[in-house]
């Protein structure tokens, strides 16, 4: 199975999660706080990180931001104590790949981690296949590197954001419903509110606007979904 790093300052929860992941066949490392987690990632790199958000010192949000700022795309799932859009959006803004709100079912957490691992496996397979580069007007998509460029400038994206852009751009002009986009970018059967797509779209638009303030290629089709605007 996979090497999973668990980060939480709650010793009892950390022990319970470690046992659950080990029972599921994973190799497990643990860290009691964010700084120890960063050290563990650098010294004995895991395949996925599961981190609590609310920790003293280096919290989960800051941990995720530091990884992404360093160009590290290791999958990160955040555990948050509050199930609301603010936490959800902030985690995604900082580059988290997924989140689970407390209290949660261990079965659900294991399933979400398994989904992240499958996505990473698919990414590795795509890199091996050296899929064709997509060039659409000012947009260039490099599947083998999970890289996006716009107007020849790099656009830093997460794996999930890459799949969203790739899905839209490969069929310009076609309207994708939120549910369909979720199927394409997540690749698993986990239950997620369709409104999460709106959060992803907002993030992606802002990133493109950082390159071109007049960016308008991703269109909202009211009552239907989203599409990549056709044309050069």
Protein backbone atom coordinates (compact mmCIF):
# COMPACT_ATOMS: atom_id res chain seq x y z
CA UNK A 1 0.00 0.00 0.00
CA UNK A 2 1.13 3.57 0.60
CA UNK A 3 3.22 5.53 3.09
CA UNK A 4 0.91 7.96 4.93
CA UNK A 5 2.06 10.79 7.19
CA UNK A 6 -0.43 11.75 9.93
CA UNK A 7 -0.01 15.12 11.67
CA UNK A 8 -2.09 16.02 14.74
CA UNK A 9 -1.44 17.39 18.23
CA UNK A 10 -4.15 15.14 19.71
CA UNK A 11 -2.20 12.06 20.81
CA UNK A 12 -5.28 9.89 21.25
CA UNK A 13 -6.63 10.72 17.79
CA UNK A 14 -3.20 10.29 16.23
CA UNK A 15 -2.86 6.80 17.75
CA UNK A 16 -6.36 5.83 16.62
CA UNK A 17 -5.77 7.04 13.07
CA UNK A 18 -2.37 5.35 12.88
CA UNK A 19 -3.94 2.04 13.91
CA UNK A 20 -6.75 2.44 11.34
CA UNK A 21 -4.34 3.18 8.49
CA UNK A 22 -2.04 0.33 9.51
CA UNK A 23 -5.02 -2.05 9.62
CA UNK A 24 -5.83 -0.90 6.07
CA UNK A 25 -2.35 -1.98 5.00
CA UNK A 26 -0.58 1.39 4.88
CA UNK A 27 2.83 2.25 6.27
CA UNK A 28 2.32 5.08 8.75
CA UNK A 29 4.48 7.90 10.09
CA UNK A 30 3.20 10.40 12.66
CA UNK A 31 4.08 13.92 13.73
CA UNK A 32 2.68 15.91 16.70
CA UNK A 33 2.69 19.32 14.98
CA UNK A 34 3.33 21.09 11.68
CA UNK A 35 7.06 21.69 12.07
CA UNK A 36 7.68 18.04 12.85
CA UNK A 37 5.50 17.21 9.87
CA UNK A 38 7.63 19.34 7.54
CA UNK A 39 10.76 17.60 8.80
CA UNK A 40 9.17 14.20 8.26
CA UNK A 41 8.21 15.09 4.68
CA UNK A 42 11.79 16.10 3.91
CA UNK A 43 13.52 13.17 5.63
CA UNK A 44 11.19 10.24 4.93
CA UNK A 45 8.87 11.42 2.19
CA UNK A 46 5.36 9.93 2.37
CA UNK A 47 2.97 9.48 -0.55
CA UNK A 48 0.17 11.45 1.11
CA UNK A 49 -0.15 13.81 4.10
CA UNK A 50 -3.16 13.94 6.44
CA UNK A 51 -2.91 16.99 8.69
CA UNK A 52 -5.08 18.60 11.32
CA UNK A 53 -5.73 22.30 10.77
CA UNK A 54 -5.84 23.54 14.36
CA UNK A 55 -2.40 22.94 15.88
CA UNK A 56 -0.10 25.18 17.94
CA UNK A 57 2.89 26.67 16.17
CA UNK A 58 2.69 25.64 12.52
CA UNK A 59 -0.96 24.88 11.76
CA UNK A 60 -2.27 22.79 8.89
CA UNK A 61 -3.07 25.77 6.66
CA UNK A 62 0.44 27.17 7.03
CA UNK A 63 1.99 23.75 6.46
CA UNK A 64 0.07 23.41 3.20
CA UNK A 65 0.99 26.93 2.08
CA UNK A 66 4.70 26.36 2.74
CA UNK A 67 4.68 23.14 0.73
CA UNK A 68 2.98 24.77 -2.25
CA UNK A 69 5.20 27.86 -2.12
CA UNK A 70 8.20 25.51 -2.31
CA UNK A 71 6.70 23.87 -5.41
CA UNK A 72 5.89 20.62 -3.57
CA UNK A 73 2.73 18.97 -4.98
CA UNK A 74 2.55 16.15 -2.44
CA UNK A 75 -1.15 15.30 -1.85
CA UNK A 76 -2.46 16.98 1.31
CA UNK A 77 -5.77 16.23 3.04
CA UNK A 78 -6.72 18.63 5.84
CA UNK A 79 -8.78 17.76 8.92
CA UNK A 80 -10.86 20.74 10.02
CA UNK A 81 -12.95 21.16 13.18
CA UNK A 82 -15.61 23.22 11.45
CA UNK A 83 -17.68 22.12 8.47
CA UNK A 84 -18.26 25.41 6.70
CA UNK A 85 -17.41 27.10 3.42
CA UNK A 86 -14.80 29.40 4.98
CA UNK A 87 -12.61 26.50 6.09
CA UNK A 88 -13.23 24.62 2.87
CA UNK A 89 -12.39 27.58 0.66
CA UNK A 90 -9.33 28.62 2.67
CA UNK A 91 -7.90 25.12 2.52
CA UNK A 92 -8.34 25.01 -1.24
CA UNK A 93 -6.92 28.50 -1.62
CA UNK A 94 -3.74 27.31 0.08
CA UNK A 95 -3.42 24.31 -2.22
CA UNK A 96 -4.94 21.44 -0.24
CA UNK A 97 -6.18 18.57 -2.39
CA UNK A 98 -9.07 17.60 -0.12
CA UNK A 99 -10.50 18.13 3.36
CA UNK A 100 -12.58 16.19 5.89
CA UNK A 101 -14.54 17.89 8.66
CA UNK A 102 -14.49 16.65 12.24
CA UNK A 103 -16.12 14.59 13.58
CA UNK A 104 -15.59 12.13 10.75
CA UNK A 105 -15.89 8.45 10.03
CA UNK A 106 -12.54 6.67 9.81
CA UNK A 107 -13.99 4.74 6.87
CA UNK A 108 -14.68 8.00 5.04
CA UNK A 109 -11.17 9.30 5.75
CA UNK A 110 -9.60 6.08 4.47
CA UNK A 111 -11.72 6.30 1.32
CA UNK A 112 -10.73 9.90 0.66
CA UNK A 113 -7.04 9.10 1.11
CA UNK A 114 -7.44 6.13 -1.21
CA UNK A 115 -8.98 8.47 -3.79
CA UNK A 116 -6.03 10.86 -3.52
CA UNK A 117 -3.62 7.98 -3.99
CA UNK A 118 -5.51 6.81 -7.07
CA UNK A 119 -5.33 10.30 -8.53
CA UNK A 120 -1.59 10.38 -7.93
CA UNK A 121 -1.26 6.98 -9.59
CA UNK A 122 -3.20 8.26 -12.60
CA UNK A 123 -0.93 11.30 -12.72
CA UNK A 124 2.17 9.11 -12.72
CA UNK A 125 0.71 6.98 -15.48
CA UNK A 126 -0.05 10.09 -17.51
CA UNK A 127 3.53 11.26 -17.13
CA UNK A 128 4.80 7.91 -18.32
CA UNK A 129 2.58 8.02 -21.39
CA UNK A 130 3.82 11.51 -22.29
CA UNK A 131 0.38 12.63 -23.40
CA UNK A 132 0.11 15.21 -26.18
CA UNK A 133 0.47 18.88 -25.34
CA UNK A 134 -2.72 20.91 -25.78
CA UNK A 135 -2.32 24.38 -27.28
CA UNK A 136 -5.45 26.50 -27.46
CA UNK A 137 -4.88 30.17 -28.24
CA UNK A 138 -2.77 31.58 -25.38
CA UNK A 139 -3.26 28.40 -23.32
CA UNK A 140 -0.78 25.52 -23.26
CA UNK A 141 -1.45 22.35 -21.27
CA UNK A 142 1.38 19.87 -20.62
CA UNK A 143 -0.18 16.65 -19.24
CA UNK A 144 3.15 14.90 -18.80
CA UNK A 145 4.25 17.58 -16.31
CA UNK A 146 0.84 18.64 -15.01
CA UNK A 147 1.83 22.14 -16.11
CA UNK A 148 -0.31 25.04 -17.32
CA UNK A 149 1.02 28.06 -19.21
CA UNK A 150 -0.99 31.08 -20.33
CA UNK A 151 0.45 33.71 -22.68
CA UNK A 152 3.68 31.74 -22.24
CA UNK A 153 3.65 32.40 -18.48
CA UNK A 154 3.45 29.54 -15.95
CA UNK A 155 0.24 29.24 -13.93
CA UNK A 156 0.76 27.42 -10.63
CA UNK A 157 -2.06 24.90 -10.13
CA UNK A 158 -2.86 21.90 -7.97
CA UNK A 159 -3.54 18.51 -9.54
CA UNK A 160 -7.29 19.03 -9.14
CA UNK A 161 -7.12 22.47 -10.78
CA UNK A 162 -5.09 21.01 -13.62
CA UNK A 163 -7.76 18.40 -14.31
CA UNK A 164 -10.44 21.10 -14.27
CA UNK A 165 -8.62 23.29 -16.82
CA UNK A 166 -7.73 20.30 -18.96
CA UNK A 167 -11.33 19.04 -19.01
CA UNK A 168 -12.71 22.42 -20.07
CA UNK A 169 -10.00 23.31 -22.58
CA UNK A 170 -10.03 19.98 -24.42
CA UNK A 171 -13.63 20.60 -25.45
CA UNK A 172 -13.88 24.38 -25.98
CA UNK A 173 -17.42 25.67 -26.27
CA UNK A 174 -18.93 22.60 -24.59
CA UNK A 175 -20.89 23.33 -21.41
CA UNK A 176 -20.01 21.06 -18.48
CA UNK A 177 -22.46 20.70 -15.61
CA UNK A 178 -20.98 20.91 -12.12
CA UNK A 179 -21.69 17.24 -11.48
CA UNK A 180 -19.88 16.22 -14.66
CA UNK A 181 -16.86 18.36 -13.81
CA UNK A 182 -16.69 16.76 -10.36
CA UNK A 183 -16.64 13.33 -11.98
CA UNK A 184 -13.84 14.38 -14.34
CA UNK A 185 -11.56 16.09 -11.84
CA UNK A 186 -11.99 13.90 -8.76
CA UNK A 187 -12.18 10.44 -10.30
CA UNK A 188 -13.76 8.85 -7.22
CA UNK A 189 -17.15 8.15 -5.69
CA UNK A 190 -16.83 10.39 -2.62
CA UNK A 191 -19.84 12.59 -1.90
CA UNK A 192 -18.93 16.26 -2.32
CA UNK A 193 -21.23 19.28 -2.57
CA UNK A 194 -21.44 20.44 -6.19
CA UNK A 195 -20.79 24.03 -5.05
CA UNK A 196 -17.15 23.06 -4.52
CA UNK A 197 -16.77 23.45 -8.30
CA UNK A 198 -17.59 27.15 -7.92
CA UNK A 199 -14.70 27.47 -5.47
CA UNK A 200 -12.32 25.73 -7.87
CA UNK A 201 -13.48 27.95 -10.75
CA UNK A 202 -12.94 31.12 -8.70
CA UNK A 203 -9.43 30.02 -7.78
CA UNK A 204 -8.51 29.12 -11.35
CA UNK A 205 -9.87 32.38 -12.72
CA UNK A 206 -7.83 34.40 -10.24
CA UNK A 207 -4.69 32.54 -11.18
CA UNK A 208 -5.18 33.27 -14.87
CA UNK A 209 -6.02 36.89 -14.04
CA UNK A 210 -2.63 37.10 -12.35
CA UNK A 211 -1.15 36.64 -15.83
CA UNK A 212 -3.83 38.49 -17.80
CA UNK A 213 -6.18 40.78 -15.82
CA UNK A 214 -8.68 40.66 -18.71
CA UNK A 215 -8.89 36.86 -18.68
CA UNK A 216 -12.41 35.75 -19.61
CA UNK A 217 -11.98 32.32 -21.20
CA UNK A 218 -13.89 30.41 -18.52
CA UNK A 219 -17.54 31.32 -18.92
CA UNK A 220 -20.40 30.72 -16.52
CA UNK A 221 -23.53 29.43 -18.28
CA UNK A 222 -26.29 30.29 -15.83
CA UNK A 223 -28.31 27.26 -14.83
CA UNK A 224 -26.08 24.90 -16.81
CA UNK A 225 -22.43 25.01 -15.72
CA UNK A 226 -19.13 26.20 -17.19
CA UNK A 227 -17.29 26.17 -20.51
CA UNK A 228 -14.01 27.28 -22.02
CA UNK A 229 -14.81 30.06 -24.47
CA UNK A 230 -14.08 29.02 -28.03
CA UNK A 231 -11.92 31.16 -30.31
CA UNK A 232 -8.28 32.32 -30.52
